[in-house]
């Protein structure tokens, strides 16, 4: 993930300070006491309620990133090859390249909604959507892809 702190320095080996490897949970979560939320603006909650039956039709699953590459001729799109627990790779495209470099995401466990109808983007069929948290900080949009503990197996259903 690209640093939210614009003053973050890089070490001599080119890795950002505090960079984590795919299997490293050390420092995975930053305590709220160490994050300044004073300049963060979030969207208001929806006033319209969704009934439980409608919500329960959404299939949220843990997915493991097997491969992630930038989509040629696109500044925004990343193409993910995911293990969704079915034994067949799932492809999902996500417009998050401004926030993440592909190699940072390989090996991560993410959350996806898997029962959306396929949608073609840049000639590639995307079969689902990865979930992210979005907010505004100091007038700039921030996006954080939802990542969960790597001990959660591919295909685990979220309730």
C-alpha atoms as a PDB file:
ATOM      1  CA  UNK A   1       0.000   0.000   0.000  1.00  0.00           C
ATOM      2  CA  UNK A   2       1.292   3.444  -0.748  1.00  0.00           C
ATOM      3  CA  UNK A   3       1.912   5.359   2.441  1.00  0.00           C
ATOM      4  CA  UNK A   4      -0.754   7.673   3.784  1.00  0.00           C
ATOM      5  CA  UNK A   5       2.073   9.658   5.343  1.00  0.00           C
ATOM      6  CA  UNK A   6       3.682  11.733   2.596  1.00  0.00           C
ATOM      7  CA  UNK A   7       6.791  12.176   4.724  1.00  0.00           C
ATOM      8  CA  UNK A   8       7.427   8.418   4.924  1.00  0.00           C
ATOM      9  CA  UNK A   9      11.002   7.727   4.003  1.00  0.00           C
ATOM     10  CA  UNK A  10      12.451   4.810   2.094  1.00  0.00           C
ATOM     11  CA  UNK A  11      15.334   2.713   3.339  1.00  0.00           C
ATOM     12  CA  UNK A  12      18.463   2.206   1.285  1.00  0.00           C
ATOM     13  CA  UNK A  13      17.155  -1.144  -0.003  1.00  0.00           C
ATOM     14  CA  UNK A  14      14.171   0.677  -1.545  1.00  0.00           C
ATOM     15  CA  UNK A  15      11.568  -0.711   0.855  1.00  0.00           C
ATOM     16  CA  UNK A  16       9.365   1.677   2.775  1.00  0.00           C
ATOM     17  CA  UNK A  17       9.903   1.763   6.508  1.00  0.00           C
ATOM     18  CA  UNK A  18       7.519  -0.647   8.182  1.00  0.00           C
ATOM     19  CA  UNK A  19       6.877  -2.552   4.939  1.00  0.00           C
ATOM     20  CA  UNK A  20       5.394  -5.975   5.560  1.00  0.00           C
ATOM     21  CA  UNK A  21       5.787  -9.244   3.721  1.00  0.00           C
ATOM     22  CA  UNK A  22       2.755 -11.233   2.634  1.00  0.00           C
ATOM     23  CA  UNK A  23       2.950 -13.674   5.565  1.00  0.00           C
ATOM     24  CA  UNK A  24       4.056 -11.170   8.200  1.00  0.00           C
ATOM     25  CA  UNK A  25       1.358 -10.113  10.650  1.00  0.00           C
ATOM     26  CA  UNK A  26       3.756  -8.053  12.759  1.00  0.00           C
ATOM     27  CA  UNK A  27       2.445  -4.511  12.574  1.00  0.00           C
ATOM     28  CA  UNK A  28      -0.494  -5.583  10.391  1.00  0.00           C
ATOM     29  CA  UNK A  29      -2.841  -3.451  12.437  1.00  0.00           C
ATOM     30  CA  UNK A  30      -1.889   0.004  13.664  1.00  0.00           C
ATOM     31  CA  UNK A  31      -3.424   0.926  17.024  1.00  0.00           C
ATOM     32  CA  UNK A  32      -5.934   3.796  16.734  1.00  0.00           C
ATOM     33  CA  UNK A  33      -3.969   5.693  19.369  1.00  0.00           C
ATOM     34  CA  UNK A  34      -1.123   6.043  16.829  1.00  0.00           C
ATOM     35  CA  UNK A  35      -3.302   7.360  13.975  1.00  0.00           C
ATOM     36  CA  UNK A  36      -4.483  10.952  13.709  1.00  0.00           C
ATOM     37  CA  UNK A  37      -8.110  10.857  12.533  1.00  0.00           C
ATOM     38  CA  UNK A  38      -8.740  14.571  13.180  1.00  0.00           C
ATOM     39  CA  UNK A  39      -8.606  15.500   9.461  1.00  0.00           C
ATOM     40  CA  UNK A  40     -10.593  12.497   8.199  1.00  0.00           C
ATOM     41  CA  UNK A  41     -14.031  12.955   6.661  1.00  0.00           C
ATOM     42  CA  UNK A  42     -16.312   9.991   6.008  1.00  0.00           C
ATOM     43  CA  UNK A  43     -19.446   9.750   3.904  1.00  0.00           C
ATOM     44  CA  UNK A  44     -22.728   9.819   5.823  1.00  0.00           C
ATOM     45  CA  UNK A  45     -24.492   6.519   6.424  1.00  0.00           C
ATOM     46  CA  UNK A  46     -27.335   5.576   4.092  1.00  0.00           C
ATOM     47  CA  UNK A  47     -30.733   6.487   5.467  1.00  0.00           C
ATOM     48  CA  UNK A  48     -32.472   3.782   3.439  1.00  0.00           C
ATOM     49  CA  UNK A  49     -32.555   0.409   5.208  1.00  0.00           C
ATOM     50  CA  UNK A  50     -31.783  -2.859   3.435  1.00  0.00           C
ATOM     51  CA  UNK A  51     -33.835  -5.838   4.556  1.00  0.00           C
ATOM     52  CA  UNK A  52     -32.006  -8.929   5.774  1.00  0.00           C
ATOM     53  CA  UNK A  53     -33.172 -11.081   2.849  1.00  0.00           C
ATOM     54  CA  UNK A  54     -31.620  -8.664   0.337  1.00  0.00           C
ATOM     55  CA  UNK A  55     -28.380  -8.447   2.316  1.00  0.00           C
ATOM     56  CA  UNK A  56     -28.117 -12.223   2.690  1.00  0.00           C
ATOM     57  CA  UNK A  57     -28.100 -12.648  -1.109  1.00  0.00           C
ATOM     58  CA  UNK A  58     -24.609 -11.087  -1.205  1.00  0.00           C
ATOM     59  CA  UNK A  59     -21.842 -13.701  -1.112  1.00  0.00           C
ATOM     60  CA  UNK A  60     -18.819 -12.241   0.688  1.00  0.00           C
ATOM     61  CA  UNK A  61     -15.737 -14.502   0.702  1.00  0.00           C
ATOM     62  CA  UNK A  62     -12.128 -14.435   1.785  1.00  0.00           C
ATOM     63  CA  UNK A  63      -9.883 -14.671  -1.289  1.00  0.00           C
ATOM     64  CA  UNK A  64      -6.120 -15.158  -1.562  1.00  0.00           C
ATOM     65  CA  UNK A  65      -4.169 -13.120  -4.113  1.00  0.00           C
ATOM     66  CA  UNK A  66      -2.220 -15.545  -6.305  1.00  0.00           C
ATOM     67  CA  UNK A  67      -1.172 -12.939  -8.866  1.00  0.00           C
ATOM     68  CA  UNK A  68      -1.719  -9.231  -9.400  1.00  0.00           C
ATOM     69  CA  UNK A  69      -0.670  -7.238 -12.467  1.00  0.00           C
ATOM     70  CA  UNK A  70      -1.337  -3.806 -13.901  1.00  0.00           C
ATOM     71  CA  UNK A  71      -3.765  -3.915 -16.820  1.00  0.00           C
ATOM     72  CA  UNK A  72      -1.980  -2.737 -19.995  1.00  0.00           C
ATOM     73  CA  UNK A  73      -3.226   0.604 -21.353  1.00  0.00           C
ATOM     74  CA  UNK A  74      -4.986   1.408 -18.059  1.00  0.00           C
ATOM     75  CA  UNK A  75      -3.704   3.820 -15.416  1.00  0.00           C
ATOM     76  CA  UNK A  76      -6.203   2.646 -12.782  1.00  0.00           C
ATOM     77  CA  UNK A  77      -6.873  -1.066 -13.159  1.00  0.00           C
ATOM     78  CA  UNK A  78      -5.161  -3.978 -11.462  1.00  0.00           C
ATOM     79  CA  UNK A  79      -5.978  -7.533 -12.534  1.00  0.00           C
ATOM     80  CA  UNK A  80      -6.147 -10.036  -9.677  1.00  0.00           C
ATOM     81  CA  UNK A  81      -5.945 -13.810 -10.011  1.00  0.00           C
ATOM     82  CA  UNK A  82      -7.575 -15.098  -6.846  1.00  0.00           C
ATOM     83  CA  UNK A  83      -8.043 -18.358  -4.988  1.00  0.00           C
ATOM     84  CA  UNK A  84     -11.668 -18.288  -3.857  1.00  0.00           C
ATOM     85  CA  UNK A  85     -11.643 -21.811  -2.443  1.00  0.00           C
ATOM     86  CA  UNK A  86     -13.428 -23.424  -5.408  1.00  0.00           C
ATOM     87  CA  UNK A  87     -10.310 -24.839  -7.073  1.00  0.00           C
ATOM     88  CA  UNK A  88     -10.799 -22.548 -10.087  1.00  0.00           C
ATOM     89  CA  UNK A  89      -9.004 -19.201 -10.289  1.00  0.00           C
ATOM     90  CA  UNK A  90     -11.212 -16.110 -10.160  1.00  0.00           C
ATOM     91  CA  UNK A  91     -10.306 -12.900 -12.005  1.00  0.00           C
ATOM     92  CA  UNK A  92     -11.325  -9.575 -10.518  1.00  0.00           C
ATOM     93  CA  UNK A  93     -10.307  -6.165 -11.837  1.00  0.00           C
ATOM     94  CA  UNK A  94     -10.113  -3.244  -9.448  1.00  0.00           C
ATOM     95  CA  UNK A  95      -9.399   0.443 -10.104  1.00  0.00           C
ATOM     96  CA  UNK A  96      -6.978   0.848  -7.199  1.00  0.00           C
ATOM     97  CA  UNK A  97      -3.598   1.234  -8.916  1.00  0.00           C
ATOM     98  CA  UNK A  98      -3.299   4.800  -7.596  1.00  0.00           C
ATOM     99  CA  UNK A  99      -3.193   3.328  -4.074  1.00  0.00           C
ATOM    100  CA  UNK A 100      -1.372  -0.001  -4.463  1.00  0.00           C
ATOM    101  CA  UNK A 101       1.398  -1.552  -6.497  1.00  0.00           C
ATOM    102  CA  UNK A 102       0.564  -5.066  -7.747  1.00  0.00           C
ATOM    103  CA  UNK A 103       3.525  -6.826  -6.133  1.00  0.00           C
ATOM    104  CA  UNK A 104       2.476  -5.547  -2.678  1.00  0.00           C
ATOM    105  CA  UNK A 105      -0.759  -7.518  -2.832  1.00  0.00           C
ATOM    106  CA  UNK A 106       0.429 -11.004  -3.821  1.00  0.00           C
ATOM    107  CA  UNK A 107      -0.143 -13.414  -0.939  1.00  0.00           C
ATOM    108  CA  UNK A 108      -2.623 -11.158   0.875  1.00  0.00           C
ATOM    109  CA  UNK A 109      -6.047 -12.328   2.013  1.00  0.00           C
ATOM    110  CA  UNK A 110      -8.772  -9.943   0.856  1.00  0.00           C
ATOM    111  CA  UNK A 111     -12.549  -9.751   0.977  1.00  0.00           C
ATOM    112  CA  UNK A 112     -14.593 -10.017  -2.215  1.00  0.00           C
ATOM    113  CA  UNK A 113     -18.225 -10.166  -3.176  1.00  0.00           C
ATOM    114  CA  UNK A 114     -18.315 -13.133  -5.515  1.00  0.00           C
ATOM    115  CA  UNK A 115     -21.853 -13.308  -6.864  1.00  0.00           C
ATOM    116  CA  UNK A 116     -21.992 -10.106  -8.888  1.00  0.00           C
ATOM    117  CA  UNK A 117     -22.648 -10.639 -12.600  1.00  0.00           C
ATOM    118  CA  UNK A 118     -19.410 -10.666 -14.651  1.00  0.00           C
ATOM    119  CA  UNK A 119     -18.454  -7.287 -16.107  1.00  0.00           C
ATOM    120  CA  UNK A 120     -16.011  -6.680 -18.957  1.00  0.00           C
ATOM    121  CA  UNK A 121     -13.422  -3.949 -18.437  1.00  0.00           C
ATOM    122  CA  UNK A 122     -10.653  -3.251 -20.946  1.00  0.00           C
ATOM    123  CA  UNK A 123     -11.663  -6.495 -22.685  1.00  0.00           C
ATOM    124  CA  UNK A 124     -11.162  -8.583 -19.511  1.00  0.00           C
ATOM    125  CA  UNK A 125     -14.073 -10.174 -17.644  1.00  0.00           C
ATOM    126  CA  UNK A 126     -14.141  -9.272 -13.948  1.00  0.00           C
ATOM    127  CA  UNK A 127     -16.028 -11.772 -11.790  1.00  0.00           C
ATOM    128  CA  UNK A 128     -16.700  -9.974  -8.522  1.00  0.00           C
ATOM    129  CA  UNK A 129     -15.555  -6.952  -6.546  1.00  0.00           C
ATOM    130  CA  UNK A 130     -12.897  -6.457  -3.885  1.00  0.00           C
ATOM    131  CA  UNK A 131     -14.006  -4.457  -0.860  1.00  0.00           C
ATOM    132  CA  UNK A 132     -12.262  -1.275   0.223  1.00  0.00           C
ATOM    133  CA  UNK A 133     -12.749   1.425   2.825  1.00  0.00           C
ATOM    134  CA  UNK A 134     -12.768   4.968   1.442  1.00  0.00           C
ATOM    135  CA  UNK A 135     -12.540   8.293   3.249  1.00  0.00           C
ATOM    136  CA  UNK A 136     -11.336  11.827   2.636  1.00  0.00           C
ATOM    137  CA  UNK A 137      -8.346  13.236   4.488  1.00  0.00           C
ATOM    138  CA  UNK A 138      -7.256  16.851   4.070  1.00  0.00           C
ATOM    139  CA  UNK A 139      -9.326  17.039   0.869  1.00  0.00           C
ATOM    140  CA  UNK A 140      -7.684  13.932  -0.644  1.00  0.00           C
ATOM    141  CA  UNK A 141      -9.440  10.601  -1.187  1.00  0.00           C
ATOM    142  CA  UNK A 142      -7.857   7.697   0.692  1.00  0.00           C
ATOM    143  CA  UNK A 143      -8.566   4.052  -0.068  1.00  0.00           C
ATOM    144  CA  UNK A 144      -7.688   0.991   1.982  1.00  0.00           C
ATOM    145  CA  UNK A 145      -8.278  -2.437   0.531  1.00  0.00           C
ATOM    146  CA  UNK A 146      -9.825  -4.707   3.179  1.00  0.00           C
ATOM    147  CA  UNK A 147      -7.189  -7.246   4.183  1.00  0.00           C
ATOM    148  CA  UNK A 148      -7.722  -9.901   6.797  1.00  0.00           C
ATOM    149  CA  UNK A 149      -5.571 -12.362   8.719  1.00  0.00           C
ATOM    150  CA  UNK A 150      -3.790 -14.844   6.441  1.00  0.00           C
ATOM    151  CA  UNK A 151      -4.989 -17.683   8.706  1.00  0.00           C
ATOM    152  CA  UNK A 152      -8.463 -17.282   7.158  1.00  0.00           C
ATOM    153  CA  UNK A 153      -8.701 -19.848   4.352  1.00  0.00           C
ATOM    154  CA  UNK A 154      -9.631 -18.999   0.770  1.00  0.00           C
ATOM    155  CA  UNK A 155     -13.363 -19.377   0.288  1.00  0.00           C
ATOM    156  CA  UNK A 156     -14.336 -18.725   3.910  1.00  0.00           C
ATOM    157  CA  UNK A 157     -17.787 -17.110   3.890  1.00  0.00           C
ATOM    158  CA  UNK A 158     -18.403 -13.882   5.761  1.00  0.00           C
ATOM    159  CA  UNK A 159     -21.633 -13.438   7.671  1.00  0.00           C
END
